[in-house]
Amino acid sequence: MMLVGGAIPALLVAGIVGGGCTDDAYWYTCDDNIPPRIDNKPCYDAGPDAKVCDDAGNCNDAGTGEGDAGSGGGEQEGGGDGIGDGMSSLCVGQCVPKEPPGWFEPLLLWLGPSDRAPDCPAAAPVAGSEYHADLAIEPLQCATCACDPPEASCELPSAWSAVDSPACPARPGAQRTSFAAPEAWDGTCTTANAIPAGQACAGGPCTQSLDLPAPRMLAGACAPSVVEDAADPQGGFRWATVARTCAGVTAPAPCGDPGMRCSPAPPEGDAAPPEGFLTCIMHHEGEHECPATYPSRHIVYEGAEDSRGCTACTCGEPSGAACSVLASAFSDETCSTVVVSVLTTSEAPFCGAIAPGTALGSKTAVVVDLDPGSCAPGGGEPIGEVAPRGAVTFCCLDRQPQQPEPPRAWNPELG
């Protein structure tokens, strides 16, 4: 076997016939003062001043082109096996299938609870980005909506009238005489539309009964309010699984098979990663199917977007409002001599008989009870969603590949 050396006391033997270089580097020393070694280095072109060395370590100028440098057909078979074995054994981690185009080269991946994530192992100490999986969403707690009581008032009855019939309700054809209150009456004593005593109508005295309409409720809208604050809607989710990536710090060594790549950590032994680490390739963008060489797929995410919120509080139309009014009619003009005093409500009018021919000289009215009613609250409902973002695909080996035999160092004396 002919070995090429140079100013640097090493020799590149894999595929350098004619000065060529390969992706795999396999170095031998030609300096007697430096012991033979195998280095994982980039391909080195010895240059025109390189020396040609034989199996015994004797070196001559490369330019002499002595027979051993270009020959060795049958003699190199054993050496070729040695080189092949040596090249495979340069990987102190594990030789795994190369990644397809568009995929990141093999690295170590740990999946599990975030509070149990181990540090990256010594063979792959560089911690990469962390990703997440298994999104656990807690229900969004919206504030409880309520409605303040509506602005309400009670409109006093103003269309009072006397009827020339004692029957209530008045008989058909009965004559009415207005005893109405003034417009925008506030209920204080008034003599508006007074009816003198003995005033005659077609059916006899005009004042035989008194008819009052029901007071009318005037209710405004209800204002929405919040009973209690809710938890921050942005804190209502967590990730059950963390995905930790770990990579090596040195260039990977070559594997004998050009379709294989050296990954950071061996599957067993002192340098093996902690239990739970997987050898995987990664695709940064979206969800992808896995190649046959890495069949175990794991979809993880860069994070999540919480677009949840709560609908605004609203109030329905007011209902249930009611009021009561004490209405009184007097025979004099100073609201002193009571003819009738009655409690009427917004739910029903009043009609009652009085002494026929009685004078109706004045009247008063006062609100004695007011219930503004209520409005049904609405809103305060969760809307939106929590959605993962930034999908990343990891494809992993579902078994550890078979490892090459331990490295076999080159010995100049043995060839």
Protein backbone atom coordinates (compact mmCIF):
# COMPACT_ATOMS: atom_id res chain seq x y z
CA MET A 1 0.00 0.00 0.00
CA MET A 2 1.37 3.45 -0.95
CA LEU A 3 0.78 6.32 1.46
CA VAL A 4 0.96 10.03 0.66
CA GLY A 5 2.53 12.32 3.20
CA GLY A 6 3.73 15.92 3.18
CA ALA A 7 4.86 18.81 5.31
CA ILE A 8 2.03 17.97 7.70
CA PRO A 9 3.01 14.54 9.08
CA ALA A 10 -0.10 12.77 7.90
CA LEU A 11 -1.36 10.84 4.88
CA LEU A 12 -4.80 10.86 3.23
CA VAL A 13 -5.48 7.45 1.68
CA ALA A 14 -9.24 7.35 0.85
CA GLY A 15 -9.82 8.17 -2.81
CA ILE A 16 -6.82 10.41 -3.42
CA VAL A 17 -5.46 8.69 -6.50
CA GLY A 18 -4.38 11.49 -8.79
CA GLY A 19 -4.56 13.99 -5.90
CA GLY A 20 -8.39 13.71 -5.54
CA CYS A 21 -10.38 14.30 -2.34
CA THR A 22 -13.39 12.56 -0.83
CA ASP A 23 -15.94 13.42 1.84
CA ASP A 24 -14.30 10.88 4.17
CA ALA A 25 -10.87 11.60 5.60
CA TYR A 26 -8.50 8.86 6.81
CA TRP A 27 -5.09 10.02 7.98
CA TYR A 28 -1.78 8.16 8.53
CA THR A 29 1.43 9.63 9.85
CA CYS A 30 4.72 9.30 7.95
CA ASP A 31 6.83 10.91 10.67
CA ASP A 32 8.70 8.44 12.86
CA ASN A 33 8.47 10.90 15.76
CA ILE A 34 4.64 10.92 15.66
CA PRO A 35 2.78 7.70 16.41
CA PRO A 36 0.28 6.47 13.85
CA ARG A 37 -3.20 7.91 14.37
CA ILE A 38 -6.58 8.29 12.76
CA ASP A 39 -8.05 11.78 12.62
CA ASN A 40 -11.50 13.02 11.69
CA LYS A 41 -10.28 15.98 9.65
CA PRO A 42 -11.35 17.65 6.41
CA CYS A 43 -9.81 16.33 3.20
CA TYR A 44 -6.23 17.58 2.87
CA ASP A 45 -4.44 17.99 -0.47
CA ALA A 46 -0.79 17.26 0.21
CA GLY A 47 0.30 19.37 -2.76
CA PRO A 48 3.17 18.89 -5.24
CA ASP A 49 5.78 18.48 -2.50
CA ALA A 50 4.00 15.55 -0.87
CA LYS A 51 5.90 12.34 -0.29
CA VAL A 52 4.87 8.85 -1.26
CA CYS A 53 5.15 6.32 1.55
CA ASP A 54 5.04 2.56 1.41
CA ASP A 55 3.61 0.15 3.97
CA ALA A 56 6.88 0.11 5.85
CA GLY A 57 6.77 3.87 6.26
CA ASN A 58 9.53 4.64 3.68
CA CYS A 59 8.79 7.97 2.00
CA ASN A 60 9.92 9.31 -1.40
CA ASP A 61 9.00 12.34 -3.41
CA ALA A 62 5.54 11.99 -4.91
CA GLY A 63 6.85 13.13 -8.21
CA THR A 64 9.04 10.04 -8.67
CA GLY A 65 5.93 7.94 -9.30
CA GLU A 66 7.60 4.74 -8.10
CA GLY A 67 5.74 1.55 -8.81
CA ASP A 68 4.32 1.04 -5.34
CA ALA A 69 2.43 4.34 -5.61
CA GLY A 70 0.47 3.28 -8.64
CA SER A 71 0.34 -0.46 -8.22
CA GLY A 72 -0.92 -2.73 -5.56
CA GLY A 73 -3.94 -4.26 -7.32
CA GLY A 74 -4.02 -7.58 -5.50
CA GLU A 75 -1.92 -6.42 -2.59
CA GLN A 76 -4.41 -3.66 -1.76
CA GLU A 77 -7.39 -5.99 -1.25
CA GLY A 78 -6.61 -6.59 2.39
CA GLY A 79 -5.66 -2.95 2.83
CA GLY A 80 -8.88 -1.92 1.15
CA ASP A 81 -10.88 -3.91 3.65
CA GLY A 82 -8.87 -2.31 6.38
CA ILE A 83 -9.56 1.14 5.04
CA GLY A 84 -13.24 0.38 4.71
CA ASP A 85 -13.43 -0.96 8.22
CA GLY A 86 -11.39 1.95 9.49
CA MET A 87 -13.57 4.48 7.74
CA SER A 88 -16.71 2.95 9.20
CA SER A 89 -15.18 2.79 12.63
CA LEU A 90 -14.21 6.47 12.68
CA CYS A 91 -17.74 7.26 13.91
CA VAL A 92 -17.63 7.10 17.68
CA GLY A 93 -21.37 7.76 17.78
CA GLN A 94 -23.61 5.73 15.54
CA CYS A 95 -23.86 5.51 11.77
CA VAL A 96 -27.43 6.25 10.74
CA PRO A 97 -29.11 6.83 7.36
CA LYS A 98 -28.47 10.24 5.82
CA GLU A 99 -31.30 12.72 5.83
CA PRO A 100 -33.29 13.39 2.63
CA PRO A 101 -33.02 16.84 0.98
CA GLY A 102 -34.81 19.52 2.96
CA TRP A 103 -34.31 17.78 6.31
CA PHE A 104 -31.90 18.78 9.05
CA GLU A 105 -29.15 16.25 9.76
CA PRO A 106 -29.61 13.70 12.56
CA LEU A 107 -29.67 14.98 16.12
CA LEU A 108 -30.89 13.79 19.49
CA LEU A 109 -34.47 14.46 20.59
CA TRP A 110 -36.03 14.06 24.01
CA LEU A 111 -39.82 14.10 24.47
CA GLY A 112 -41.53 14.18 27.83
CA PRO A 113 -42.84 16.32 30.70
CA SER A 114 -41.11 19.69 30.90
CA ASP A 115 -40.22 19.25 34.57
CA ARG A 116 -38.33 16.04 33.77
CA ALA A 117 -36.33 17.18 30.75
CA PRO A 118 -32.67 16.11 31.13
CA ASP A 119 -29.66 18.16 30.13
CA CYS A 120 -28.11 17.43 26.78
CA PRO A 121 -25.63 14.53 26.96
CA ALA A 122 -21.88 15.06 26.71
CA ALA A 123 -21.78 13.56 23.21
CA ALA A 124 -24.29 16.18 21.99
CA PRO A 125 -24.00 19.07 24.45
CA VAL A 126 -25.44 21.87 22.31
CA ALA A 127 -29.05 22.52 23.31
CA GLY A 128 -31.12 23.65 20.36
CA SER A 129 -34.58 25.11 20.20
CA GLU A 130 -37.27 23.65 22.42
CA TYR A 131 -40.63 22.72 20.96
CA HIS A 132 -43.91 21.61 22.47
CA ALA A 133 -46.67 19.07 22.05
CA ASP A 134 -49.89 17.91 23.71
CA LEU A 135 -51.59 21.25 24.26
CA ALA A 136 -53.74 21.22 27.39
CA ILE A 137 -56.35 23.97 27.33
CA GLU A 138 -58.06 25.13 30.48
CA PRO A 139 -61.58 26.56 30.11
CA LEU A 140 -61.66 30.31 29.73
CA GLN A 141 -63.41 31.91 32.69
CA CYS A 142 -65.30 34.97 31.54
CA ALA A 143 -66.62 37.60 33.91
CA THR A 144 -70.20 37.21 35.11
CA CYS A 145 -72.48 39.74 33.46
CA ALA A 146 -75.29 41.57 35.24
CA CYS A 147 -77.65 44.45 34.51
CA ASP A 148 -78.20 47.50 36.65
CA PRO A 149 -81.86 48.39 37.30
CA PRO A 150 -83.38 50.47 34.52
CA GLU A 151 -84.08 54.15 34.87
CA ALA A 152 -87.84 54.10 35.51
CA SER A 153 -90.61 56.49 36.47
CA CYS A 154 -94.35 56.29 37.06
CA GLU A 155 -96.60 58.52 34.94
CA LEU A 156 -99.60 59.70 36.98
CA PRO A 157 -103.08 59.06 35.55
CA SER A 158 -104.43 62.28 34.05
CA ALA A 159 -107.59 61.30 32.12
CA TRP A 160 -109.98 61.30 35.13
CA SER A 161 -113.69 61.34 34.26
CA ALA A 162 -117.11 61.27 35.93
CA VAL A 163 -119.80 58.95 34.54
CA ASP A 164 -123.56 59.43 34.73
CA SER A 165 -123.95 55.75 35.62
CA PRO A 166 -123.09 54.01 38.86
CA ALA A 167 -122.23 50.80 37.03
CA CYS A 168 -118.57 49.84 36.62
CA PRO A 169 -117.60 49.49 33.97
CA ALA A 170 -119.97 52.11 32.59
CA ARG A 171 -122.99 50.90 30.70
CA PRO A 172 -122.99 51.36 26.92
CA GLY A 173 -124.07 54.87 25.98
CA ALA A 174 -123.23 56.35 29.40
CA GLN A 175 -122.09 59.97 29.31
CA ARG A 176 -118.64 60.94 30.54
CA THR A 177 -117.65 64.31 31.92
CA SER A 178 -113.96 65.18 31.97
CA PHE A 179 -112.28 65.65 35.32
CA ALA A 180 -108.82 65.47 33.73
CA ALA A 181 -105.64 66.70 35.35
CA PRO A 182 -103.46 69.27 33.59
CA GLU A 183 -100.68 68.19 31.20
CA ALA A 184 -97.42 67.10 32.88
CA TRP A 185 -99.18 67.01 36.25
CA ASP A 186 -96.94 66.35 39.23
CA GLY A 187 -99.78 65.16 41.49
CA THR A 188 -100.16 68.28 43.60
CA CYS A 189 -103.62 69.68 44.34
CA THR A 190 -105.34 71.00 41.23
CA THR A 191 -108.85 72.29 40.39
CA ALA A 192 -108.51 71.63 36.67
CA ASN A 193 -111.81 70.55 35.04
CA ALA A 194 -113.79 70.74 38.31
CA ILE A 195 -117.40 69.49 38.14
CA PRO A 196 -119.90 71.40 40.28
CA ALA A 197 -122.40 69.62 42.47
CA GLY A 198 -125.65 68.56 40.81
CA GLN A 199 -124.46 68.99 37.23
CA ALA A 200 -126.99 67.14 35.06
CA CYS A 201 -126.34 64.82 32.15
CA ALA A 202 -128.68 62.78 29.93
CA GLY A 203 -128.81 59.92 32.38
CA GLY A 204 -129.22 62.08 35.47
CA PRO A 205 -126.47 63.60 37.67
CA CYS A 206 -123.13 63.67 35.85
CA THR A 207 -121.22 62.43 38.90
CA GLN A 208 -122.41 58.93 39.79
CA SER A 209 -119.07 57.09 39.43
CA LEU A 210 -115.40 58.04 39.01
CA ASP A 211 -113.18 56.44 36.37
CA LEU A 212 -109.34 56.58 36.55
CA PRO A 213 -106.90 55.03 34.05
CA ALA A 214 -103.96 53.02 35.36
CA PRO A 215 -100.71 54.87 35.94
CA ARG A 216 -98.16 54.14 33.21
CA MET A 217 -94.64 52.87 33.74
CA LEU A 218 -91.86 54.66 31.85
CA ALA A 219 -88.82 52.37 31.91
CA GLY A 220 -85.47 53.07 30.25
CA ALA A 221 -82.75 50.66 29.20
CA CYS A 222 -80.62 48.71 31.64
CA ALA A 223 -76.88 49.31 31.81
CA PRO A 224 -74.71 46.15 31.70
CA SER A 225 -72.21 45.56 34.48
CA VAL A 226 -69.69 42.96 35.61
CA VAL A 227 -70.20 41.03 38.82
CA GLU A 228 -66.67 39.67 39.15
CA ASP A 229 -63.43 39.71 37.24
CA ALA A 230 -62.26 36.51 35.57
CA ALA A 231 -58.81 35.01 35.30
CA ASP A 232 -56.49 36.28 32.59
CA PRO A 233 -57.65 34.53 29.41
CA GLN A 234 -54.03 34.32 28.17
CA GLY A 235 -53.02 32.03 31.03
CA GLY A 236 -55.48 29.27 30.31
CA PHE A 237 -53.28 26.76 28.49
CA ARG A 238 -50.08 24.78 28.92
CA TRP A 239 -47.99 22.21 27.11
CA ALA A 240 -47.87 18.72 28.56
CA THR A 241 -44.84 17.69 26.51
CA VAL A 242 -41.56 19.44 25.75
CA ALA A 243 -39.30 18.47 22.85
CA ARG A 244 -35.60 19.14 23.57
CA THR A 245 -33.03 18.95 20.78
CA CYS A 246 -29.33 18.30 21.28
CA ALA A 247 -26.50 18.44 18.73
CA GLY A 248 -22.77 17.80 18.69
CA VAL A 249 -20.05 20.46 18.59
CA THR A 250 -17.63 18.79 16.14
CA ALA A 251 -17.94 17.79 12.52
CA PRO A 252 -19.28 14.24 12.27
CA ALA A 253 -16.84 11.49 11.38
CA PRO A 254 -17.29 9.47 8.21
CA CYS A 255 -19.11 6.20 7.91
CA GLY A 256 -18.02 3.50 5.47
CA ASP A 257 -21.39 3.52 3.72
CA PRO A 258 -21.92 6.73 1.67
CA GLY A 259 -25.61 6.54 2.49
CA MET A 260 -24.92 6.77 6.22
CA ARG A 261 -24.04 9.67 8.50
CA CYS A 262 -22.43 9.73 11.91
CA SER A 263 -24.81 10.92 14.60
CA PRO A 264 -23.62 12.33 17.93
CA ALA A 265 -24.10 9.59 20.50
CA PRO A 266 -23.68 5.81 20.50
CA PRO A 267 -26.66 3.65 21.42
CA GLU A 268 -24.93 2.06 24.38
CA GLY A 269 -21.89 2.32 26.60
CA ASP A 270 -20.57 5.12 28.79
CA ALA A 271 -21.10 7.77 26.09
CA ALA A 272 -24.67 6.74 25.35
CA PRO A 273 -27.33 9.43 25.87
CA PRO A 274 -29.73 9.17 28.82
CA GLU A 275 -32.75 6.99 28.39
CA GLY A 276 -35.49 8.58 26.36
CA PHE A 277 -33.35 10.28 23.71
CA LEU A 278 -34.15 9.48 20.09
CA THR A 279 -32.07 9.84 16.96
CA CYS A 280 -34.12 11.98 14.59
CA ILE A 281 -34.06 14.20 11.55
CA MET A 282 -36.06 17.43 11.53
CA HIS A 283 -38.10 19.47 9.04
CA HIS A 284 -38.58 23.06 10.16
CA GLU A 285 -41.69 23.94 8.21
CA GLY A 286 -45.02 22.22 8.71
CA GLU A 287 -46.15 18.62 8.90
CA HIS A 288 -44.47 16.11 6.60
CA GLU A 289 -44.52 12.39 6.04
CA CYS A 290 -41.47 10.54 7.27
CA PRO A 291 -39.02 8.73 5.00
CA ALA A 292 -38.79 4.96 5.33
CA THR A 293 -35.39 5.25 7.01
CA TYR A 294 -36.85 7.34 9.86
CA PRO A 295 -40.41 6.01 10.25
CA SER A 296 -41.40 7.28 13.69
CA ARG A 297 -43.07 10.69 13.30
CA HIS A 298 -43.49 13.34 16.01
CA ILE A 299 -45.24 16.66 15.32
CA VAL A 300 -44.29 19.43 17.73
CA TYR A 301 -44.86 23.19 17.73
CA GLU A 302 -42.97 26.40 18.31
CA GLY A 303 -45.78 27.82 20.42
CA ALA A 304 -49.48 28.60 20.49
CA GLU A 305 -51.73 31.55 19.78
CA ASP A 306 -54.57 32.29 22.17
CA SER A 307 -57.29 34.18 20.30
CA ARG A 308 -59.91 33.60 22.95
CA GLY A 309 -61.97 36.34 24.49
CA CYS A 310 -65.35 37.02 26.01
CA THR A 311 -68.40 38.49 24.37
CA ALA A 312 -69.51 41.89 25.65
CA CYS A 313 -72.12 42.06 28.38
CA THR A 314 -75.57 43.07 27.17
CA CYS A 315 -79.03 43.60 28.65
CA GLY A 316 -82.42 42.65 27.32
CA GLU A 317 -85.58 44.74 27.40
CA PRO A 318 -86.81 45.66 30.90
CA SER A 319 -89.70 43.67 32.32
CA GLY A 320 -91.63 43.37 35.56
CA ALA A 321 -91.83 47.11 36.24
CA ALA A 322 -94.83 48.32 38.28
CA CYS A 323 -95.96 51.27 40.35
CA SER A 324 -98.81 52.17 42.69
CA VAL A 325 -100.48 55.59 42.99
CA LEU A 326 -102.76 56.94 45.73
CA ALA A 327 -105.36 59.01 43.84
CA SER A 328 -107.83 61.23 45.75
CA ALA A 329 -110.80 63.36 44.66
CA PHE A 330 -112.22 66.18 46.79
CA SER A 331 -115.51 68.07 46.76
CA ASP A 332 -113.91 71.42 47.59
CA GLU A 333 -111.23 73.39 45.74
CA THR A 334 -108.48 73.01 48.38
CA CYS A 335 -108.16 69.22 48.48
CA SER A 336 -109.60 69.08 51.97
CA THR A 337 -112.93 67.20 51.78
CA VAL A 338 -112.35 63.72 50.42
CA VAL A 339 -114.91 62.20 48.08
CA VAL A 340 -112.85 59.11 47.24
CA SER A 341 -109.26 58.02 47.83
CA VAL A 342 -108.06 54.87 46.10
CA LEU A 343 -104.81 52.97 45.52
CA THR A 344 -104.48 52.22 41.83
CA THR A 345 -101.69 50.31 40.13
CA SER A 346 -100.05 50.27 36.75
CA GLU A 347 -101.55 46.84 36.22
CA ALA A 348 -105.25 47.88 36.39
CA PRO A 349 -107.42 51.02 36.12
CA PHE A 350 -109.99 52.10 38.78
CA CYS A 351 -113.73 52.58 38.54
CA GLY A 352 -115.90 53.20 41.61
CA ALA A 353 -119.33 54.59 42.44
CA ILE A 354 -119.70 57.86 44.34
CA ALA A 355 -122.71 59.70 45.77
CA PRO A 356 -124.79 60.93 42.79
CA GLY A 357 -124.41 64.67 42.11
CA THR A 358 -121.35 65.08 44.35
CA ALA A 359 -119.10 67.99 43.44
CA LEU A 360 -115.62 67.10 42.17
CA GLY A 361 -113.71 70.28 42.96
CA SER A 362 -110.07 69.18 43.20
CA LYS A 363 -107.72 66.17 43.15
CA THR A 364 -104.26 64.90 44.12
CA ALA A 365 -102.09 61.89 43.25
CA VAL A 366 -98.87 60.53 44.72
CA VAL A 367 -96.66 57.56 43.82
CA VAL A 368 -96.44 55.27 46.81
CA ASP A 369 -94.50 52.36 45.27
CA LEU A 370 -92.19 51.95 42.27
CA ASP A 371 -90.56 48.74 41.07
CA PRO A 372 -88.33 49.52 38.07
CA GLY A 373 -88.22 45.90 36.98
CA SER A 374 -85.11 44.21 35.61
CA CYS A 375 -83.33 43.16 32.42
CA ALA A 376 -81.99 39.74 31.54
CA PRO A 377 -78.17 39.84 31.19
CA GLY A 378 -76.43 38.44 28.15
CA GLY A 379 -72.89 38.08 26.90
CA GLY A 380 -69.87 37.03 28.89
CA GLU A 381 -69.47 33.90 26.76
CA PRO A 382 -66.08 32.48 25.69
CA ILE A 383 -65.22 32.81 22.01
CA GLY A 384 -62.11 32.03 19.98
CA GLU A 385 -59.61 29.23 20.39
CA VAL A 386 -56.08 28.26 21.38
CA ALA A 387 -54.26 26.97 18.31
CA PRO A 388 -50.70 25.62 18.06
CA ARG A 389 -48.41 27.46 15.64
CA GLY A 390 -45.15 26.71 13.90
CA ALA A 391 -45.45 22.97 13.29
CA VAL A 392 -42.13 21.10 13.13
CA THR A 393 -41.77 17.48 12.05
CA PHE A 394 -39.31 15.08 13.67
CA CYS A 395 -38.80 11.67 12.12
CA CYS A 396 -36.93 9.21 14.30
CA LEU A 397 -35.39 5.78 14.17
CA ASP A 398 -37.65 3.22 15.77
CA ARG A 399 -34.66 1.02 16.52
CA GLN A 400 -30.94 1.58 16.95
CA PRO A 401 -28.97 0.78 13.79
CA GLN A 402 -26.30 -1.88 13.87
CA GLN A 403 -22.93 -0.37 14.75
CA PRO A 404 -19.61 -1.07 13.02
CA GLU A 405 -16.87 -3.01 14.71
CA PRO A 406 -14.48 -1.02 16.92
CA PRO A 407 -11.83 1.01 15.02
CA ARG A 408 -8.70 -0.76 13.82
CA ALA A 409 -5.68 1.55 13.91
CA TRP A 410 -3.07 1.34 11.15
CA ASN A 411 0.24 -0.09 12.18
CA PRO A 412 3.15 0.64 9.77
CA GLU A 413 4.91 -2.53 10.79
CA LEU A 414 1.87 -4.72 10.09
CA GLY A 415 0.65 -2.87 6.99
